[in-house]
Amino acid sequence: MCQQNFRSTLTGSFSTPCDDNPTVAMIEAAYQHHDIDARYTKCDVKADGLKDPVAGAGAVE
């Protein structure tokens, strides 16, 4: 089993509304099944507010 640490790969999505979106559970289960050290998060962002979050996500390496 993959051990996650503070340096796990971070993935995710921007959408709205995101509360009822089941992608976190599904993708995290797939990561665990395939022993991938990654985390998935979802962020509630409206279309007209995407510019800054997308720019910020692109700054992370």
PDB file of N, CA and C in Angstrom:
ATOM      1  N   MET A   1       0.838  -1.186   0.000  1.00  0.00           N
ATOM      2  CA  MET A   1       0.000   0.000   0.000  1.00  0.00           C
ATOM      3  C   MET A   1       0.880   1.246   0.000  1.00  0.00           C
ATOM      4  N   CYS A   2       0.510   2.220  -0.783  1.00  0.00           N
ATOM      5  CA  CYS A   2       1.247   3.463  -0.903  1.00  0.00           C
ATOM      6  C   CYS A   2       1.109   4.290   0.372  1.00  0.00           C
ATOM      7  N   GLN A   3       2.215   4.787   0.881  1.00  0.00           N
ATOM      8  CA  GLN A   3       2.161   5.685   2.025  1.00  0.00           C
ATOM      9  C   GLN A   3       2.199   7.109   1.529  1.00  0.00           C
ATOM     10  N   GLN A   4       1.225   7.905   1.906  1.00  0.00           N
ATOM     11  CA  GLN A   4       1.192   9.297   1.490  1.00  0.00           C
ATOM     12  C   GLN A   4       2.045  10.118   2.449  1.00  0.00           C
ATOM     13  N   ASN A   5       2.622  11.155   1.922  1.00  0.00           N
ATOM     14  CA  ASN A   5       3.420  12.034   2.745  1.00  0.00           C
ATOM     15  C   ASN A   5       3.123  13.478   2.365  1.00  0.00           C
ATOM     16  N   PHE A   6       3.813  14.403   2.971  1.00  0.00           N
ATOM     17  CA  PHE A   6       3.546  15.803   2.694  1.00  0.00           C
ATOM     18  C   PHE A   6       3.994  16.230   1.311  1.00  0.00           C
ATOM     19  N   ARG A   7       4.661  15.363   0.568  1.00  0.00           N
ATOM     20  CA  ARG A   7       5.121  15.686  -0.782  1.00  0.00           C
ATOM     21  C   ARG A   7       4.332  14.929  -1.851  1.00  0.00           C
ATOM     22  N   SER A   8       3.158  14.456  -1.532  1.00  0.00           N
ATOM     23  CA  SER A   8       2.319  13.776  -2.513  1.00  0.00           C
ATOM     24  C   SER A   8       1.999  14.714  -3.670  1.00  0.00           C
ATOM     25  N   THR A   9       1.818  14.147  -4.855  1.00  0.00           N
ATOM     26  CA  THR A   9       1.367  14.921  -5.998  1.00  0.00           C
ATOM     27  C   THR A   9      -0.044  15.419  -5.706  1.00  0.00           C
ATOM     28  N   LEU A  10      -0.308  16.667  -6.023  1.00  0.00           N
ATOM     29  CA  LEU A  10      -1.624  17.248  -5.787  1.00  0.00           C
ATOM     30  C   LEU A  10      -2.337  17.441  -7.117  1.00  0.00           C
ATOM     31  N   THR A  11      -3.548  16.913  -7.214  1.00  0.00           N
ATOM     32  CA  THR A  11      -4.387  17.070  -8.392  1.00  0.00           C
ATOM     33  C   THR A  11      -5.752  17.582  -7.932  1.00  0.00           C
ATOM     34  N   GLY A  12      -6.568  18.019  -8.865  1.00  0.00           N
ATOM     35  CA  GLY A  12      -7.884  18.477  -8.461  1.00  0.00           C
ATOM     36  C   GLY A  12      -8.647  19.122  -9.589  1.00  0.00           C
ATOM     37  N   SER A  13      -9.743  19.766  -9.211  1.00  0.00           N
ATOM     38  CA  SER A  13     -10.591  20.426 -10.202  1.00  0.00           C
ATOM     39  C   SER A  13     -11.193  21.696  -9.623  1.00  0.00           C
ATOM     40  N   PHE A  14     -11.531  22.611 -10.516  1.00  0.00           N
ATOM     41  CA  PHE A  14     -12.275  23.817 -10.183  1.00  0.00           C
ATOM     42  C   PHE A  14     -13.656  23.652 -10.797  1.00  0.00           C
ATOM     43  N   SER A  15     -14.687  23.807  -9.997  1.00  0.00           N
ATOM     44  CA  SER A  15     -16.054  23.691 -10.515  1.00  0.00           C
ATOM     45  C   SER A  15     -17.010  24.357  -9.533  1.00  0.00           C
ATOM     46  N   THR A  16     -18.244  24.497  -9.963  1.00  0.00           N
ATOM     47  CA  THR A  16     -19.279  24.987  -9.060  1.00  0.00           C
ATOM     48  C   THR A  16     -20.628  24.455  -9.504  1.00  0.00           C
ATOM     49  N   PRO A  17     -21.444  23.977  -8.632  1.00  0.00           N
ATOM     50  CA  PRO A  17     -21.111  23.646  -7.257  1.00  0.00           C
ATOM     51  C   PRO A  17     -20.292  22.364  -7.225  1.00  0.00           C
ATOM     52  N   CYS A  18     -19.503  22.208  -6.204  1.00  0.00           N
ATOM     53  CA  CYS A  18     -18.664  21.011  -6.156  1.00  0.00           C
ATOM     54  C   CYS A  18     -18.995  20.102  -4.971  1.00  0.00           C
ATOM     55  N   ASP A  19     -19.872  20.530  -4.076  1.00  0.00           N
ATOM     56  CA  ASP A  19     -20.156  19.743  -2.876  1.00  0.00           C
ATOM     57  C   ASP A  19     -20.674  18.335  -3.158  1.00  0.00           C
ATOM     58  N   ASP A  20     -21.533  18.173  -4.149  1.00  0.00           N
ATOM     59  CA  ASP A  20     -22.118  16.866  -4.431  1.00  0.00           C
ATOM     60  C   ASP A  20     -21.337  16.070  -5.474  1.00  0.00           C
ATOM     61  N   ASN A  21     -20.209  16.604  -5.913  1.00  0.00           N
ATOM     62  CA  ASN A  21     -19.398  15.945  -6.934  1.00  0.00           C
ATOM     63  C   ASN A  21     -18.621  14.787  -6.301  1.00  0.00           C
ATOM     64  N   PRO A  22     -18.813  13.551  -6.776  1.00  0.00           N
ATOM     65  CA  PRO A  22     -18.168  12.393  -6.154  1.00  0.00           C
ATOM     66  C   PRO A  22     -16.734  12.142  -6.622  1.00  0.00           C
ATOM     67  N   THR A  23     -16.147  13.055  -7.368  1.00  0.00           N
ATOM     68  CA  THR A  23     -14.838  12.773  -7.958  1.00  0.00           C
ATOM     69  C   THR A  23     -13.736  12.537  -6.939  1.00  0.00           C
ATOM     70  N   VAL A  24     -13.777  13.209  -5.792  1.00  0.00           N
ATOM     71  CA  VAL A  24     -12.707  13.013  -4.801  1.00  0.00           C
ATOM     72  C   VAL A  24     -12.649  11.557  -4.373  1.00  0.00           C
ATOM     73  N   ALA A  25     -13.757  10.992  -3.972  1.00  0.00           N
ATOM     74  CA  ALA A  25     -13.772   9.598  -3.520  1.00  0.00           C
ATOM     75  C   ALA A  25     -13.344   8.642  -4.628  1.00  0.00           C
ATOM     76  N   MET A  26     -13.819   8.890  -5.841  1.00  0.00           N
ATOM     77  CA  MET A  26     -13.505   8.001  -6.958  1.00  0.00           C
ATOM     78  C   MET A  26     -12.024   8.070  -7.332  1.00  0.00           C
ATOM     79  N   ILE A  27     -11.501   9.260  -7.463  1.00  0.00           N
ATOM     80  CA  ILE A  27     -10.112   9.400  -7.908  1.00  0.00           C
ATOM     81  C   ILE A  27      -9.147   8.985  -6.810  1.00  0.00           C
ATOM     82  N   GLU A  28      -9.431   9.335  -5.558  1.00  0.00           N
ATOM     83  CA  GLU A  28      -8.561   8.898  -4.464  1.00  0.00           C
ATOM     84  C   GLU A  28      -8.542   7.375  -4.362  1.00  0.00           C
ATOM     85  N   ALA A  29      -9.681   6.723  -4.585  1.00  0.00           N
ATOM     86  CA  ALA A  29      -9.729   5.256  -4.571  1.00  0.00           C
ATOM     87  C   ALA A  29      -8.876   4.680  -5.700  1.00  0.00           C
ATOM     88  N   ALA A  30      -8.926   5.317  -6.868  1.00  0.00           N
ATOM     89  CA  ALA A  30      -8.103   4.851  -7.993  1.00  0.00           C
ATOM     90  C   ALA A  30      -6.621   5.036  -7.690  1.00  0.00           C
ATOM     91  N   TYR A  31      -6.252   6.172  -7.096  1.00  0.00           N
ATOM     92  CA  TYR A  31      -4.846   6.378  -6.721  1.00  0.00           C
ATOM     93  C   TYR A  31      -4.379   5.287  -5.759  1.00  0.00           C
ATOM     94  N   GLN A  32      -5.193   5.014  -4.754  1.00  0.00           N
ATOM     95  CA  GLN A  32      -4.817   3.984  -3.777  1.00  0.00           C
ATOM     96  C   GLN A  32      -4.724   2.612  -4.445  1.00  0.00           C
ATOM     97  N   HIS A  33      -5.685   2.288  -5.283  1.00  0.00           N
ATOM     98  CA  HIS A  33      -5.691   0.984  -5.966  1.00  0.00           C
ATOM     99  C   HIS A  33      -4.434   0.786  -6.816  1.00  0.00           C
ATOM    100  N   HIS A  34      -3.974   1.843  -7.455  1.00  0.00           N
ATOM    101  CA  HIS A  34      -2.814   1.762  -8.342  1.00  0.00           C
ATOM    102  C   HIS A  34      -1.508   2.172  -7.653  1.00  0.00           C
ATOM    103  N   ASP A  35      -1.565   2.324  -6.321  1.00  0.00           N
ATOM    104  CA  ASP A  35      -0.389   2.665  -5.521  1.00  0.00           C
ATOM    105  C   ASP A  35       0.274   3.958  -6.012  1.00  0.00           C
ATOM    106  N   ILE A  36      -0.537   4.964  -6.285  1.00  0.00           N
ATOM    107  CA  ILE A  36      -0.057   6.265  -6.741  1.00  0.00           C
ATOM    108  C   ILE A  36      -0.065   7.230  -5.558  1.00  0.00           C
ATOM    109  N   ASP A  37       1.064   7.847  -5.296  1.00  0.00           N
ATOM    110  CA  ASP A  37       1.184   8.786  -4.183  1.00  0.00           C
ATOM    111  C   ASP A  37       0.692  10.158  -4.636  1.00  0.00           C
ATOM    112  N   ALA A  38      -0.623  10.333  -4.618  1.00  0.00           N
ATOM    113  CA  ALA A  38      -1.238  11.579  -5.069  1.00  0.00           C
ATOM    114  C   ALA A  38      -2.492  11.839  -4.256  1.00  0.00           C
ATOM    115  N   ARG A  39      -2.886  13.091  -4.205  1.00  0.00           N
ATOM    116  CA  ARG A  39      -4.125  13.507  -3.554  1.00  0.00           C
ATOM    117  C   ARG A  39      -4.945  14.301  -4.548  1.00  0.00           C
ATOM    118  N   TYR A  40      -6.261  14.261  -4.402  1.00  0.00           N
ATOM    119  CA  TYR A  40      -7.182  14.970  -5.292  1.00  0.00           C
ATOM    120  C   TYR A  40      -8.072  15.871  -4.441  1.00  0.00           C
ATOM    121  N   THR A  41      -8.226  17.090  -4.857  1.00  0.00           N
ATOM    122  CA  THR A  41      -9.090  18.020  -4.145  1.00  0.00           C
ATOM    123  C   THR A  41      -9.991  18.738  -5.139  1.00  0.00           C
ATOM    124  N   LYS A  42     -11.100  19.219  -4.666  1.00  0.00           N
ATOM    125  CA  LYS A  42     -11.994  19.996  -5.528  1.00  0.00           C
ATOM    126  C   LYS A  42     -12.197  21.362  -4.889  1.00  0.00           C
ATOM    127  N   CYS A  43     -12.253  22.382  -5.727  1.00  0.00           N
ATOM    128  CA  CYS A  43     -12.403  23.762  -5.266  1.00  0.00           C
ATOM    129  C   CYS A  43     -13.617  24.380  -5.929  1.00  0.00           C
ATOM    130  N   ASP A  44     -14.487  24.961  -5.134  1.00  0.00           N
ATOM    131  CA  ASP A  44     -15.685  25.608  -5.663  1.00  0.00           C
ATOM    132  C   ASP A  44     -15.307  26.981  -6.210  1.00  0.00           C
ATOM    133  N   VAL A  45     -15.242  27.088  -7.539  1.00  0.00           N
ATOM    134  CA  VAL A  45     -14.861  28.332  -8.213  1.00  0.00           C
ATOM    135  C   VAL A  45     -15.828  28.556  -9.367  1.00  0.00           C
ATOM    136  N   LYS A  46     -16.418  29.730  -9.403  1.00  0.00           N
ATOM    137  CA  LYS A  46     -17.324  30.069 -10.508  1.00  0.00           C
ATOM    138  C   LYS A  46     -16.509  30.417 -11.756  1.00  0.00           C
ATOM    139  N   ALA A  47     -17.112  30.262 -12.918  1.00  0.00           N
ATOM    140  CA  ALA A  47     -16.420  30.485 -14.198  1.00  0.00           C
ATOM    141  C   ALA A  47     -15.784  31.871 -14.278  1.00  0.00           C
ATOM    142  N   ASP A  48     -16.478  32.885 -13.789  1.00  0.00           N
ATOM    143  CA  ASP A  48     -15.922  34.233 -13.887  1.00  0.00           C
ATOM    144  C   ASP A  48     -14.790  34.488 -12.885  1.00  0.00           C
ATOM    145  N   GLY A  49     -14.520  33.526 -12.017  1.00  0.00           N
ATOM    146  CA  GLY A  49     -13.437  33.674 -11.044  1.00  0.00           C
ATOM    147  C   GLY A  49     -12.299  32.704 -11.266  1.00  0.00           C
ATOM    148  N   LEU A  50     -12.221  32.103 -12.449  1.00  0.00           N
ATOM    149  CA  LEU A  50     -11.212  31.076 -12.722  1.00  0.00           C
ATOM    150  C   LEU A  50      -9.800  31.618 -12.952  1.00  0.00           C
ATOM    151  N   LYS A  51      -9.659  32.844 -13.401  1.00  0.00           N
ATOM    152  CA  LYS A  51      -8.353  33.354 -13.812  1.00  0.00           C
ATOM    153  C   LYS A  51      -7.290  33.197 -12.725  1.00  0.00           C
ATOM    154  N   ASP A  52      -7.544  33.695 -11.537  1.00  0.00           N
ATOM    155  CA  ASP A  52      -6.533  33.638 -10.475  1.00  0.00           C
ATOM    156  C   ASP A  52      -6.247  32.210  -9.981  1.00  0.00           C
ATOM    157  N   PRO A  53      -7.268  31.378  -9.729  1.00  0.00           N
ATOM    158  CA  PRO A  53      -6.975  30.012  -9.303  1.00  0.00           C
ATOM    159  C   PRO A  53      -6.176  29.210 -10.345  1.00  0.00           C
ATOM    160  N   VAL A  54      -6.514  29.380 -11.614  1.00  0.00           N
ATOM    161  CA  VAL A  54      -5.781  28.663 -12.668  1.00  0.00           C
ATOM    162  C   VAL A  54      -4.347  29.163 -12.735  1.00  0.00           C
ATOM    163  N   ALA A  55      -4.142  30.464 -12.628  1.00  0.00           N
ATOM    164  CA  ALA A  55      -2.777  31.012 -12.633  1.00  0.00           C
ATOM    165  C   ALA A  55      -1.994  30.499 -11.430  1.00  0.00           C
ATOM    166  N   GLY A  56      -2.641  30.445 -10.282  1.00  0.00           N
ATOM    167  CA  GLY A  56      -1.977  29.941  -9.081  1.00  0.00           C
ATOM    168  C   GLY A  56      -1.626  28.466  -9.188  1.00  0.00           C
ATOM    169  N   ALA A  57      -2.530  27.674  -9.745  1.00  0.00           N
ATOM    170  CA  ALA A  57      -2.265  26.247  -9.914  1.00  0.00           C
ATOM    171  C   ALA A  57      -1.109  26.025 -10.881  1.00  0.00           C
ATOM    172  N   GLY A  58      -0.994  26.866 -11.897  1.00  0.00           N
ATOM    173  CA  GLY A  58       0.077  26.739 -12.867  1.00  0.00           C
ATOM    174  C   GLY A  58       1.442  27.111 -12.304  1.00  0.00           C
ATOM    175  N   ALA A  59       1.447  27.839 -11.201  1.00  0.00           N
ATOM    176  CA  ALA A  59       2.717  28.262 -10.591  1.00  0.00           C
ATOM    177  C   ALA A  59       3.334  27.157  -9.755  1.00  0.00           C
ATOM    178  N   VAL A  60       2.589  26.104  -9.462  1.00  0.00           N
ATOM    179  CA  VAL A  60       3.082  25.013  -8.609  1.00  0.00           C
ATOM    180  C   VAL A  60       3.788  23.973  -9.452  1.00  0.00           C
ATOM    181  N   GLU A  61       4.959  23.604  -9.022  1.00  0.00           N
ATOM    182  CA  GLU A  61       5.690  22.534  -9.727  1.00  0.00           C
ATOM    183  C   GLU A  61       5.940  21.376  -8.819  1.00  0.00           C
TER     184      GLU A  61
END
